[in-house]
Amino acid sequence: MRFFDYIDTIEKPTVENIRAIYRTISTKYDDLIDMAVEPNSKNYKKWMQTLDCLKESENIIIKCIENNAISDIEWLELRCCIYRFQVKYGGLKYMNIE
């Protein structure tokens, strides 16, 4: 299932939903790290800004996994961070949730 289709179908998120989202985001995060550390990367600053934006989502997810729960506010913040990332940088739209 496509990443945003999956997110849009979740009414009351569970920790398992959050873990699935984390696995997808971490794949993108790893790709960005690889691009940022390339020798003589012309786009280093852009990749680092992108990583910072994605890191916000990751921090929320980690906090929820540690607490073994996600509140409605945390869910809204997470969705906001994910959509903000997509609008600013793209790259999540065609990813699939496993």
Protein backbone atom coordinates (compact mmCIF):
# COMPACT_ATOMS: atom_id res chain seq x y z
CA MET A 1 0.00 0.00 0.00
CA ARG A 2 1.24 3.49 -0.78
CA PHE A 3 2.58 5.47 2.17
CA PHE A 4 -0.02 8.26 2.23
CA ASP A 5 -2.91 5.88 1.49
CA TYR A 6 -1.85 3.94 4.56
CA ILE A 7 -1.65 7.05 6.74
CA ASP A 8 -5.03 8.29 5.54
CA THR A 9 -6.76 5.01 6.41
CA ILE A 10 -5.65 5.11 10.07
CA GLU A 11 -8.36 6.46 12.34
CA LYS A 12 -6.92 5.52 15.72
CA PRO A 13 -3.24 4.66 15.38
CA THR A 14 -1.64 1.78 17.19
CA VAL A 15 2.01 1.26 18.03
CA GLU A 16 2.11 -1.28 15.17
CA ASN A 17 0.95 1.44 12.74
CA ILE A 18 3.66 3.73 14.07
CA ARG A 19 6.29 1.01 13.67
CA ALA A 20 5.23 0.48 10.03
CA ILE A 21 5.50 4.23 9.37
CA TYR A 22 8.89 4.28 11.09
CA ARG A 23 10.24 1.47 8.91
CA THR A 24 9.23 3.40 5.79
CA ILE A 25 10.60 6.74 7.00
CA SER A 26 13.87 5.17 8.14
CA THR A 27 14.43 3.83 4.61
CA LYS A 28 14.14 7.36 3.25
CA TYR A 29 16.32 8.68 6.09
CA ASP A 30 19.08 6.17 5.28
CA ASP A 31 18.98 7.17 1.60
CA LEU A 32 19.33 10.85 2.53
CA ILE A 33 22.29 10.14 4.81
CA ASP A 34 24.01 8.31 1.95
CA MET A 35 23.47 11.31 -0.34
CA ALA A 36 24.65 13.84 2.26
CA VAL A 37 27.94 12.08 2.93
CA GLU A 38 28.91 11.64 -0.71
CA PRO A 39 32.30 13.20 -1.37
CA ASN A 40 32.00 16.75 -2.72
CA SER A 41 28.22 16.70 -2.46
CA LYS A 42 26.98 19.95 -4.00
CA ASN A 43 23.65 19.48 -2.29
CA TYR A 44 25.01 18.85 1.22
CA LYS A 45 23.12 21.76 2.79
CA LYS A 46 19.87 20.71 1.11
CA TRP A 47 20.25 17.09 2.25
CA MET A 48 20.96 18.20 5.81
CA GLN A 49 17.85 20.42 5.87
CA THR A 50 15.86 17.49 4.53
CA LEU A 51 17.26 15.21 7.22
CA ASP A 52 16.38 17.74 9.94
CA CYS A 53 12.80 17.92 8.69
CA LEU A 54 12.46 14.13 8.64
CA LYS A 55 14.12 13.89 12.06
CA GLU A 56 11.11 15.67 13.62
CA SER A 57 8.87 12.79 12.54
CA GLU A 58 11.36 10.24 13.72
CA ASN A 59 11.56 11.86 17.17
CA ILE A 60 7.78 11.70 17.60
CA ILE A 61 7.72 8.07 16.49
CA ILE A 62 10.52 7.04 18.86
CA LYS A 63 8.77 8.76 21.77
CA CYS A 64 5.54 6.90 20.97
CA ILE A 65 7.30 3.55 20.67
CA GLU A 66 9.07 4.13 24.00
CA ASN A 67 5.73 4.96 25.67
CA ASN A 68 4.01 2.10 23.84
CA ALA A 69 1.17 4.48 22.95
CA ILE A 70 0.33 7.46 20.75
CA SER A 71 -1.98 10.27 21.78
CA ASP A 72 -4.28 12.10 19.39
CA ILE A 73 -2.04 15.18 19.61
CA GLU A 74 1.09 13.14 18.81
CA TRP A 75 -0.70 11.56 15.86
CA LEU A 76 -1.68 14.97 14.49
CA GLU A 77 1.86 16.29 15.01
CA LEU A 78 3.33 13.26 13.27
CA ARG A 79 0.98 13.57 10.30
CA CYS A 80 1.74 17.30 10.09
CA CYS A 81 5.50 16.63 10.06
CA ILE A 82 5.16 13.94 7.41
CA TYR A 83 2.98 16.08 5.14
CA ARG A 84 5.26 19.10 5.67
CA PHE A 85 8.21 16.96 4.61
CA GLN A 86 6.36 15.82 1.49
CA VAL A 87 5.42 19.37 0.51
CA LYS A 88 8.93 20.76 1.06
CA TYR A 89 11.07 17.91 -0.21
CA GLY A 90 8.94 15.13 -1.69
CA GLY A 91 10.05 11.56 -1.93
CA LEU A 92 7.51 9.85 0.29
CA LYS A 93 4.55 9.79 -2.08
CA TYR A 94 5.50 6.67 -3.97
CA MET A 95 6.95 4.72 -1.06
CA ASN A 96 5.14 1.58 0.04
CA ILE A 97 4.30 0.40 3.54
CA GLU A 98 5.31 -3.19 4.13
